[in-house]
Amino acid sequence: MRRVRCLVVSEGSRLYSHWMAEYETFKNAPITEAVLEFQLRLQGDPHLGRMALVQDGIQDKYPTRKESRFVSAGIQIPAAAAPWTSVETKQVGYTFTAADGRQIVHARLNAYGFSRLKPYTSWKDFRGQARTLWDHFKKIALPDRVTRVGLRYINRIELPLPVAEFKDYILTKPDIAPGLPIMVSAYALQMVIQDAGTGCGVTINQGIDPSCATPKVLPLIFDIDAFKEVDLAAEAQEIWTLVDQLRSLKNEVFFKSLTEKAKELFR
């Protein structure tokens, strides 16, 4: 497995100049999950009881409740004793899942989130539901400040086998030294792009999903997480302006990373 990590900073606000571009809507979009998340500071002393109450008023649409837990693990190798490991889990909130299992509300002590699983409908629908649920969350959880806004789209691009070159489908890709007599069977690539003019960033994770591979298809995961660290009041309208900007930036990365041959797979 090959992992690549790099940091790219744009000049000025070069990325921002393209944010208003409109892109094609695909009939068979490869989106497996879309996630909008606000990291938060809550008023007073945050507690799980307050997070549980978020389900009130939406239970008819989101009847299933599960605990959200944070897992931490550690290992220590003392000089004169046997090594030991420790694993600690801590509940940090709840998830509330729709009856059809395709939409999820995340209510955590430090975050609000909304997820839409495949099939994705439209940006208008996704954004509208996320905002309605955010307004509901605010009334109960009482967030004070939003400290990070993140918009993440996980795509699974099913490349028909055999794949001669990844560059036939995707332009953001790992490069293998010329002359090596090898074929890529697995890889993991991570790239963080930051725009110096706006303070927004994008984390790109890419790799092969072997669990979905078939003799005819090579599933390529193209995971795009657009984000910005902020300090905004929970009621600020600028939050949703930023959400729209992150969506445009996410689209910029997605569409400019794919070849026409890849886009034909979704039309």
C-alpha atoms as a PDB file:
ATOM      1  CA  MET A   1       0.000   0.000   0.000  1.00  0.00           C
ATOM      2  CA  ARG A   2       1.320   3.413  -0.949  1.00  0.00           C
ATOM      3  CA  ARG A   3       0.442   6.498   1.070  1.00  0.00           C
ATOM      4  CA  VAL A   4       1.194  10.003  -0.125  1.00  0.00           C
ATOM      5  CA  ARG A   5       0.565  13.148   1.888  1.00  0.00           C
ATOM      6  CA  CYS A   6       1.270  16.657   0.720  1.00  0.00           C
ATOM      7  CA  LEU A   7       0.206  20.211   1.420  1.00  0.00           C
ATOM      8  CA  VAL A   8      -0.599  22.636  -1.351  1.00  0.00           C
ATOM      9  CA  VAL A   9      -1.304  26.316  -0.736  1.00  0.00           C
ATOM     10  CA  SER A  10      -2.860  28.300  -3.542  1.00  0.00           C
ATOM     11  CA  GLU A  11      -1.694  31.761  -4.526  1.00  0.00           C
ATOM     12  CA  GLY A  12      -4.008  34.442  -3.200  1.00  0.00           C
ATOM     13  CA  SER A  13      -7.627  33.429  -3.787  1.00  0.00           C
ATOM     14  CA  ARG A  14      -7.160  31.601  -7.079  1.00  0.00           C
ATOM     15  CA  LEU A  15      -9.480  28.802  -5.991  1.00  0.00           C
ATOM     16  CA  TYR A  16     -12.105  31.273  -4.814  1.00  0.00           C
ATOM     17  CA  SER A  17     -12.365  32.856  -8.264  1.00  0.00           C
ATOM     18  CA  HIS A  18     -13.936  29.658  -9.597  1.00  0.00           C
ATOM     19  CA  TRP A  19     -16.357  29.020  -6.734  1.00  0.00           C
ATOM     20  CA  MET A  20     -19.402  30.279  -8.597  1.00  0.00           C
ATOM     21  CA  ALA A  21     -18.937  27.864 -11.515  1.00  0.00           C
ATOM     22  CA  GLU A  22     -21.861  25.592 -12.306  1.00  0.00           C
ATOM     23  CA  TYR A  23     -21.195  21.948 -13.018  1.00  0.00           C
ATOM     24  CA  GLU A  24     -23.071  19.096 -14.632  1.00  0.00           C
ATOM     25  CA  THR A  25     -25.615  17.102 -12.632  1.00  0.00           C
ATOM     26  CA  PHE A  26     -25.074  13.384 -13.178  1.00  0.00           C
ATOM     27  CA  LYS A  27     -27.904  10.890 -13.510  1.00  0.00           C
ATOM     28  CA  ASN A  28     -25.841   8.219 -11.741  1.00  0.00           C
ATOM     29  CA  ALA A  29     -23.702  10.262  -9.352  1.00  0.00           C
ATOM     30  CA  PRO A  30     -21.091   8.132  -7.511  1.00  0.00           C
ATOM     31  CA  ILE A  31     -21.882   9.684  -4.099  1.00  0.00           C
ATOM     32  CA  THR A  32     -22.174   7.055  -1.355  1.00  0.00           C
ATOM     33  CA  GLU A  33     -22.441   9.546   1.525  1.00  0.00           C
ATOM     34  CA  ALA A  34     -22.693  13.306   1.976  1.00  0.00           C
ATOM     35  CA  VAL A  35     -21.984  14.785   5.413  1.00  0.00           C
ATOM     36  CA  LEU A  36     -22.356  18.321   6.758  1.00  0.00           C
ATOM     37  CA  GLU A  37     -20.773  18.880  10.180  1.00  0.00           C
ATOM     38  CA  PHE A  38     -20.453  21.869  12.491  1.00  0.00           C
ATOM     39  CA  GLN A  39     -18.005  21.587  15.361  1.00  0.00           C
ATOM     40  CA  LEU A  40     -19.307  23.540  18.330  1.00  0.00           C
ATOM     41  CA  ARG A  41     -18.929  25.091  21.734  1.00  0.00           C
ATOM     42  CA  LEU A  42     -22.138  24.632  23.721  1.00  0.00           C
ATOM     43  CA  GLN A  43     -23.591  26.974  26.308  1.00  0.00           C
ATOM     44  CA  GLY A  44     -23.290  26.028  29.949  1.00  0.00           C
ATOM     45  CA  ASP A  45     -22.245  22.512  30.929  1.00  0.00           C
ATOM     46  CA  PRO A  46     -22.897  20.161  27.974  1.00  0.00           C
ATOM     47  CA  HIS A  47     -24.368  16.804  28.965  1.00  0.00           C
ATOM     48  CA  LEU A  48     -25.699  13.725  27.221  1.00  0.00           C
ATOM     49  CA  GLY A  49     -29.231  14.272  28.473  1.00  0.00           C
ATOM     50  CA  ARG A  50     -29.460  17.409  26.386  1.00  0.00           C
ATOM     51  CA  MET A  51     -28.229  15.510  23.328  1.00  0.00           C
ATOM     52  CA  ALA A  52     -30.834  12.769  23.862  1.00  0.00           C
ATOM     53  CA  LEU A  53     -33.607  15.377  23.860  1.00  0.00           C
ATOM     54  CA  VAL A  54     -32.683  16.352  20.287  1.00  0.00           C
ATOM     55  CA  GLN A  55     -34.687  13.319  19.157  1.00  0.00           C
ATOM     56  CA  ASP A  56     -37.861  14.871  20.578  1.00  0.00           C
ATOM     57  CA  GLY A  57     -39.852  16.381  17.750  1.00  0.00           C
ATOM     58  CA  ILE A  58     -38.120  14.344  15.014  1.00  0.00           C
ATOM     59  CA  GLN A  59     -38.675  10.840  16.387  1.00  0.00           C
ATOM     60  CA  ASP A  60     -41.376  10.061  13.828  1.00  0.00           C
ATOM     61  CA  LYS A  61     -38.847  10.540  11.001  1.00  0.00           C
ATOM     62  CA  TYR A  62     -35.714   9.469  12.926  1.00  0.00           C
ATOM     63  CA  PRO A  63     -36.874   6.666  15.218  1.00  0.00           C
ATOM     64  CA  THR A  64     -33.605   4.770  15.710  1.00  0.00           C
ATOM     65  CA  ARG A  65     -31.213   6.048  18.384  1.00  0.00           C
ATOM     66  CA  LYS A  66     -27.657   4.838  18.939  1.00  0.00           C
ATOM     67  CA  GLU A  67     -24.845   6.034  21.153  1.00  0.00           C
ATOM     68  CA  SER A  68     -21.916   7.877  19.588  1.00  0.00           C
ATOM     69  CA  ARG A  69     -18.643   6.914  21.227  1.00  0.00           C
ATOM     70  CA  PHE A  70     -15.083   8.173  21.059  1.00  0.00           C
ATOM     71  CA  VAL A  71     -12.482   5.413  21.175  1.00  0.00           C
ATOM     72  CA  SER A  72      -8.880   6.002  22.234  1.00  0.00           C
ATOM     73  CA  ALA A  73      -6.145   3.388  22.350  1.00  0.00           C
ATOM     74  CA  GLY A  74      -2.612   3.405  23.703  1.00  0.00           C
ATOM     75  CA  ILE A  75       0.383   1.121  24.017  1.00  0.00           C
ATOM     76  CA  GLN A  76       3.318   1.348  26.379  1.00  0.00           C
ATOM     77  CA  ILE A  77       6.504  -0.704  26.365  1.00  0.00           C
ATOM     78  CA  PRO A  78       8.201  -0.291  29.759  1.00  0.00           C
ATOM     79  CA  ALA A  79      11.941  -0.927  29.920  1.00  0.00           C
ATOM     80  CA  ALA A  80      11.744  -3.653  32.559  1.00  0.00           C
ATOM     81  CA  ALA A  81       8.232  -5.062  32.295  1.00  0.00           C
ATOM     82  CA  ALA A  82       5.805  -6.652  29.867  1.00  0.00           C
ATOM     83  CA  PRO A  83       4.240  -4.238  27.367  1.00  0.00           C
ATOM     84  CA  TRP A  84       0.609  -3.314  27.861  1.00  0.00           C
ATOM     85  CA  THR A  85      -2.168  -1.730  25.871  1.00  0.00           C
ATOM     86  CA  SER A  86      -5.252   0.189  26.885  1.00  0.00           C
ATOM     87  CA  VAL A  87      -8.474   1.007  25.081  1.00  0.00           C
ATOM     88  CA  GLU A  88     -10.929   3.578  26.402  1.00  0.00           C
ATOM     89  CA  THR A  89     -14.377   4.404  25.047  1.00  0.00           C
ATOM     90  CA  LYS A  90     -16.390   7.426  26.029  1.00  0.00           C
ATOM     91  CA  GLN A  91     -19.905   8.326  24.988  1.00  0.00           C
ATOM     92  CA  VAL A  92     -20.022  11.740  23.326  1.00  0.00           C
ATOM     93  CA  GLY A  93     -23.577  11.857  21.976  1.00  0.00           C
ATOM     94  CA  TYR A  94     -26.161  10.098  19.832  1.00  0.00           C
ATOM     95  CA  THR A  95     -27.113   9.383  16.249  1.00  0.00           C
ATOM     96  CA  PHE A  96     -30.727   9.363  15.104  1.00  0.00           C
ATOM     97  CA  THR A  97     -31.396   7.393  11.921  1.00  0.00           C
ATOM     98  CA  ALA A  98     -34.360   7.679   9.565  1.00  0.00           C
ATOM     99  CA  ALA A  99     -36.698   4.728   9.140  1.00  0.00           C
ATOM    100  CA  ASP A 100     -35.281   3.946   5.692  1.00  0.00           C
ATOM    101  CA  GLY A 101     -31.711   4.131   7.043  1.00  0.00           C
ATOM    102  CA  ARG A 102     -30.631   6.737   4.490  1.00  0.00           C
ATOM    103  CA  GLN A 103     -30.431   9.868   6.655  1.00  0.00           C
ATOM    104  CA  ILE A 104     -28.693  10.352   9.992  1.00  0.00           C
ATOM    105  CA  VAL A 105     -28.666  13.208  12.490  1.00  0.00           C
ATOM    106  CA  HIS A 106     -25.549  13.440  14.667  1.00  0.00           C
ATOM    107  CA  ALA A 107     -25.951  15.140  18.064  1.00  0.00           C
ATOM    108  CA  ARG A 108     -22.677  15.216  19.977  1.00  0.00           C
ATOM    109  CA  LEU A 109     -21.346  17.253  22.872  1.00  0.00           C
ATOM    110  CA  ASN A 110     -19.081  19.140  20.485  1.00  0.00           C
ATOM    111  CA  ALA A 111     -20.747  18.792  17.079  1.00  0.00           C
ATOM    112  CA  TYR A 112     -23.883  18.707  14.958  1.00  0.00           C
ATOM    113  CA  GLY A 113     -23.980  16.648  11.781  1.00  0.00           C
ATOM    114  CA  PHE A 114     -26.311  15.505   9.041  1.00  0.00           C
ATOM    115  CA  SER A 115     -25.606  12.584   6.695  1.00  0.00           C
ATOM    116  CA  ARG A 116     -27.316  11.414   3.525  1.00  0.00           C
ATOM    117  CA  LEU A 117     -26.487   7.933   2.252  1.00  0.00           C
ATOM    118  CA  LYS A 118     -26.895   6.608  -1.268  1.00  0.00           C
ATOM    119  CA  PRO A 119     -29.006   7.362  -3.240  1.00  0.00           C
ATOM    120  CA  TYR A 120     -28.165  11.057  -3.030  1.00  0.00           C
ATOM    121  CA  THR A 121     -31.044  13.305  -4.142  1.00  0.00           C
ATOM    122  CA  SER A 122     -29.916  16.896  -4.732  1.00  0.00           C
ATOM    123  CA  TRP A 123     -27.960  19.701  -3.100  1.00  0.00           C
ATOM    124  CA  LYS A 124     -31.165  21.703  -2.579  1.00  0.00           C
ATOM    125  CA  ASP A 125     -32.777  18.828  -0.701  1.00  0.00           C
ATOM    126  CA  PHE A 126     -29.652  17.946   1.292  1.00  0.00           C
ATOM    127  CA  ARG A 127     -28.942  21.547   2.308  1.00  0.00           C
ATOM    128  CA  GLY A 128     -32.593  22.260   3.150  1.00  0.00           C
ATOM    129  CA  GLN A 129     -32.956  19.256   5.435  1.00  0.00           C
ATOM    130  CA  ALA A 130     -29.599  19.904   7.098  1.00  0.00           C
ATOM    131  CA  ARG A 131     -30.626  23.482   7.877  1.00  0.00           C
ATOM    132  CA  THR A 132     -34.075  22.526   9.201  1.00  0.00           C
ATOM    133  CA  LEU A 133     -32.507  19.950  11.518  1.00  0.00           C
ATOM    134  CA  TRP A 134     -29.812  22.445  12.588  1.00  0.00           C
ATOM    135  CA  ASP A 135     -32.538  24.903  13.634  1.00  0.00           C
ATOM    136  CA  HIS A 136     -34.160  22.116  15.661  1.00  0.00           C
ATOM    137  CA  PHE A 137     -30.811  21.092  17.199  1.00  0.00           C
ATOM    138  CA  LYS A 138     -30.042  24.683  18.257  1.00  0.00           C
ATOM    139  CA  LYS A 139     -33.239  25.024  20.265  1.00  0.00           C
ATOM    140  CA  ILE A 140     -32.336  22.036  22.435  1.00  0.00           C
ATOM    141  CA  ALA A 141     -28.552  21.711  22.463  1.00  0.00           C
ATOM    142  CA  LEU A 142     -27.990  25.489  22.818  1.00  0.00           C
ATOM    143  CA  PRO A 143     -24.728  25.827  20.896  1.00  0.00           C
ATOM    144  CA  ASP A 144     -22.877  29.069  21.498  1.00  0.00           C
ATOM    145  CA  ARG A 145     -20.194  29.140  18.797  1.00  0.00           C
ATOM    146  CA  VAL A 146     -19.420  27.228  15.596  1.00  0.00           C
ATOM    147  CA  THR A 147     -15.672  26.531  15.407  1.00  0.00           C
ATOM    148  CA  ARG A 148     -15.439  24.478  12.203  1.00  0.00           C
ATOM    149  CA  VAL A 149     -17.658  23.929   9.189  1.00  0.00           C
ATOM    150  CA  GLY A 150     -17.040  20.797   7.146  1.00  0.00           C
ATOM    151  CA  LEU A 151     -18.702  19.394   4.028  1.00  0.00           C
ATOM    152  CA  ARG A 152     -17.636  15.890   3.029  1.00  0.00           C
ATOM    153  CA  TYR A 153     -18.618  13.832  -0.003  1.00  0.00           C
ATOM    154  CA  ILE A 154     -17.515  10.209  -0.288  1.00  0.00           C
ATOM    155  CA  ASN A 155     -17.617   8.903  -3.864  1.00  0.00           C
ATOM    156  CA  ARG A 156     -17.149   5.335  -5.069  1.00  0.00           C
ATOM    157  CA  ILE A 157     -16.176   5.315  -8.732  1.00  0.00           C
ATOM    158  CA  GLU A 158     -16.603   1.859 -10.248  1.00  0.00           C
ATOM    159  CA  LEU A 159     -13.856   1.572 -12.852  1.00  0.00           C
ATOM    160  CA  PRO A 160     -14.455  -1.145 -15.440  1.00  0.00           C
ATOM    161  CA  LEU A 161     -11.676  -3.736 -15.547  1.00  0.00           C
ATOM    162  CA  PRO A 162      -9.086  -3.994 -16.899  1.00  0.00           C
ATOM    163  CA  VAL A 163      -7.744  -0.546 -15.947  1.00  0.00           C
ATOM    164  CA  ALA A 164      -4.692   0.218 -18.076  1.00  0.00           C
ATOM    165  CA  GLU A 165      -3.906   3.586 -16.448  1.00  0.00           C
ATOM    166  CA  PHE A 166      -5.527   5.468 -13.558  1.00  0.00           C
ATOM    167  CA  LYS A 167      -4.848   8.663 -15.504  1.00  0.00           C
ATOM    168  CA  ASP A 168      -7.497   7.554 -18.000  1.00  0.00           C
ATOM    169  CA  TYR A 169     -10.076   8.282 -15.286  1.00  0.00           C
ATOM    170  CA  ILE A 170      -8.611  10.500 -12.588  1.00  0.00           C
ATOM    171  CA  LEU A 171      -6.031  13.282 -12.713  1.00  0.00           C
ATOM    172  CA  THR A 172      -5.333  13.434  -8.976  1.00  0.00           C
ATOM    173  CA  LYS A 173      -3.597  10.098  -8.589  1.00  0.00           C
ATOM    174  CA  PRO A 174      -0.447   8.295  -7.399  1.00  0.00           C
ATOM    175  CA  ASP A 175       2.466   8.250  -9.841  1.00  0.00           C
ATOM    176  CA  ILE A 176       4.674   5.183 -10.223  1.00  0.00           C
ATOM    177  CA  ALA A 177       8.271   5.589 -11.322  1.00  0.00           C
ATOM    178  CA  PRO A 178       8.579   4.802 -15.045  1.00  0.00           C
ATOM    179  CA  GLY A 179      10.050   1.443 -15.970  1.00  0.00           C
ATOM    180  CA  LEU A 180       8.902  -0.451 -12.877  1.00  0.00           C
ATOM    181  CA  PRO A 181       7.351  -3.810 -13.893  1.00  0.00           C
ATOM    182  CA  ILE A 182       4.442  -3.585 -11.445  1.00  0.00           C
ATOM    183  CA  MET A 183       0.682  -3.230 -11.345  1.00  0.00           C
ATOM    184  CA  VAL A 184      -1.089  -1.246  -8.599  1.00  0.00           C
ATOM    185  CA  SER A 185      -3.441  -3.542  -6.662  1.00  0.00           C
ATOM    186  CA  ALA A 186      -3.981  -1.223  -3.666  1.00  0.00           C
ATOM    187  CA  TYR A 187      -2.994   2.255  -2.575  1.00  0.00           C
ATOM    188  CA  ALA A 188      -3.956   5.050  -0.197  1.00  0.00           C
ATOM    189  CA  LEU A 189      -3.359   8.694  -1.004  1.00  0.00           C
ATOM    190  CA  GLN A 190      -4.058  11.724   1.167  1.00  0.00           C
ATOM    191  CA  MET A 191      -3.662  15.307   0.051  1.00  0.00           C
ATOM    192  CA  VAL A 192      -4.505  18.515   1.921  1.00  0.00           C
ATOM    193  CA  ILE A 193      -5.121  21.607  -0.193  1.00  0.00           C
ATOM    194  CA  GLN A 194      -5.402  25.015   1.450  1.00  0.00           C
ATOM    195  CA  ASP A 195      -6.383  28.307  -0.141  1.00  0.00           C
ATOM    196  CA  ALA A 196      -4.372  31.125   1.434  1.00  0.00           C
ATOM    197  CA  GLY A 197      -6.850  33.761   0.247  1.00  0.00           C
ATOM    198  CA  THR A 198      -9.924  32.347   1.958  1.00  0.00           C
ATOM    199  CA  GLY A 199      -8.648  30.057   4.713  1.00  0.00           C
ATOM    200  CA  CYS A 200     -10.684  27.144   3.353  1.00  0.00           C
ATOM    201  CA  GLY A 201      -9.126  23.739   2.870  1.00  0.00           C
ATOM    202  CA  VAL A 202      -9.862  20.385   1.305  1.00  0.00           C
ATOM    203  CA  THR A 203      -8.678  16.993   2.489  1.00  0.00           C
ATOM    204  CA  ILE A 204      -8.647  14.433  -0.336  1.00  0.00           C
ATOM    205  CA  ASN A 205      -8.489  10.745   0.509  1.00  0.00           C
ATOM    206  CA  GLN A 206      -8.284   8.270  -2.317  1.00  0.00           C
ATOM    207  CA  GLY A 207      -7.794   4.534  -2.621  1.00  0.00           C
ATOM    208  CA  ILE A 208      -9.174   1.171  -3.664  1.00  0.00           C
ATOM    209  CA  ASP A 209     -12.076  -0.433  -1.760  1.00  0.00           C
ATOM    210  CA  PRO A 210     -11.364  -4.187  -1.977  1.00  0.00           C
ATOM    211  CA  SER A 211     -14.619  -5.088  -0.210  1.00  0.00           C
ATOM    212  CA  CYS A 212     -16.613  -3.937  -3.252  1.00  0.00           C
ATOM    213  CA  ALA A 213     -14.290  -5.260  -5.962  1.00  0.00           C
ATOM    214  CA  THR A 214     -15.627  -7.717  -8.531  1.00  0.00           C
ATOM    215  CA  PRO A 215     -14.065  -9.454 -11.552  1.00  0.00           C
ATOM    216  CA  LYS A 216     -15.491  -6.635 -13.682  1.00  0.00           C
ATOM    217  CA  VAL A 217     -15.162  -3.567 -11.453  1.00  0.00           C
ATOM    218  CA  LEU A 218     -12.378  -1.842  -9.520  1.00  0.00           C
ATOM    219  CA  PRO A 219     -14.003   0.488  -6.929  1.00  0.00           C
ATOM    220  CA  LEU A 220     -12.045   3.715  -6.476  1.00  0.00           C
ATOM    221  CA  ILE A 221     -12.889   5.775  -3.374  1.00  0.00           C
ATOM    222  CA  PHE A 222     -12.634   9.531  -3.916  1.00  0.00           C
ATOM    223  CA  ASP A 223     -13.310  11.191  -0.552  1.00  0.00           C
ATOM    224  CA  ILE A 224     -13.456  15.021  -0.543  1.00  0.00           C
ATOM    225  CA  ASP A 225     -13.729  16.940   2.759  1.00  0.00           C
ATOM    226  CA  ALA A 226     -13.956  20.730   2.340  1.00  0.00           C
ATOM    227  CA  PHE A 227     -13.642  22.694   5.584  1.00  0.00           C
ATOM    228  CA  LYS A 228     -12.870  25.961   7.321  1.00  0.00           C
ATOM    229  CA  GLU A 229     -11.923  26.757  10.914  1.00  0.00           C
ATOM    230  CA  VAL A 230     -14.146  29.612  12.127  1.00  0.00           C
ATOM    231  CA  ASP A 231     -15.430  31.387  15.208  1.00  0.00           C
ATOM    232  CA  LEU A 232     -19.050  32.264  14.458  1.00  0.00           C
ATOM    233  CA  ALA A 233     -22.155  32.692  16.576  1.00  0.00           C
ATOM    234  CA  ALA A 234     -24.533  29.755  16.163  1.00  0.00           C
ATOM    235  CA  GLU A 235     -27.159  32.145  14.757  1.00  0.00           C
ATOM    236  CA  ALA A 236     -24.837  33.711  12.182  1.00  0.00           C
ATOM    237  CA  GLN A 237     -26.134  33.632   8.604  1.00  0.00           C
ATOM    238  CA  GLU A 238     -22.513  33.537   7.407  1.00  0.00           C
ATOM    239  CA  ILE A 239     -22.483  29.841   8.326  1.00  0.00           C
ATOM    240  CA  TRP A 240     -24.729  28.993   5.384  1.00  0.00           C
ATOM    241  CA  THR A 241     -22.878  31.293   3.015  1.00  0.00           C
ATOM    242  CA  LEU A 242     -19.757  29.347   3.954  1.00  0.00           C
ATOM    243  CA  VAL A 243     -21.562  26.028   3.437  1.00  0.00           C
ATOM    244  CA  ASP A 244     -22.386  27.099  -0.124  1.00  0.00           C
ATOM    245  CA  GLN A 245     -18.782  28.138  -0.722  1.00  0.00           C
ATOM    246  CA  LEU A 246     -17.494  24.806   0.543  1.00  0.00           C
ATOM    247  CA  ARG A 247     -19.880  23.002  -1.772  1.00  0.00           C
ATOM    248  CA  SER A 248     -18.524  24.975  -4.732  1.00  0.00           C
ATOM    249  CA  LEU A 249     -14.960  24.241  -3.666  1.00  0.00           C
ATOM    250  CA  LYS A 250     -15.792  20.552  -3.310  1.00  0.00           C
ATOM    251  CA  ASN A 251     -17.247  20.567  -6.822  1.00  0.00           C
ATOM    252  CA  GLU A 252     -14.125  22.298  -8.124  1.00  0.00           C
ATOM    253  CA  VAL A 253     -11.947  19.513  -6.774  1.00  0.00           C
ATOM    254  CA  PHE A 254     -14.244  16.726  -7.963  1.00  0.00           C
ATOM    255  CA  PHE A 255     -14.866  17.852 -11.520  1.00  0.00           C
ATOM    256  CA  LYS A 256     -11.348  19.033 -12.254  1.00  0.00           C
ATOM    257  CA  SER A 257      -9.893  15.778 -10.943  1.00  0.00           C
ATOM    258  CA  LEU A 258     -11.864  13.572 -13.355  1.00  0.00           C
ATOM    259  CA  THR A 259     -11.422  12.903 -17.042  1.00  0.00           C
ATOM    260  CA  GLU A 260     -14.277  12.863 -19.545  1.00  0.00           C
ATOM    261  CA  LYS A 261     -13.975   9.084 -19.641  1.00  0.00           C
ATOM    262  CA  ALA A 262     -14.731   8.962 -15.907  1.00  0.00           C
ATOM    263  CA  LYS A 263     -17.664  11.351 -16.231  1.00  0.00           C
ATOM    264  CA  GLU A 264     -19.214   9.125 -18.880  1.00  0.00           C
ATOM    265  CA  LEU A 265     -19.603   6.465 -16.192  1.00  0.00           C
ATOM    266  CA  PHE A 266     -22.106   8.693 -14.343  1.00  0.00           C
ATOM    267  CA  ARG A 267     -24.146  10.038 -17.254  1.00  0.00           C
END
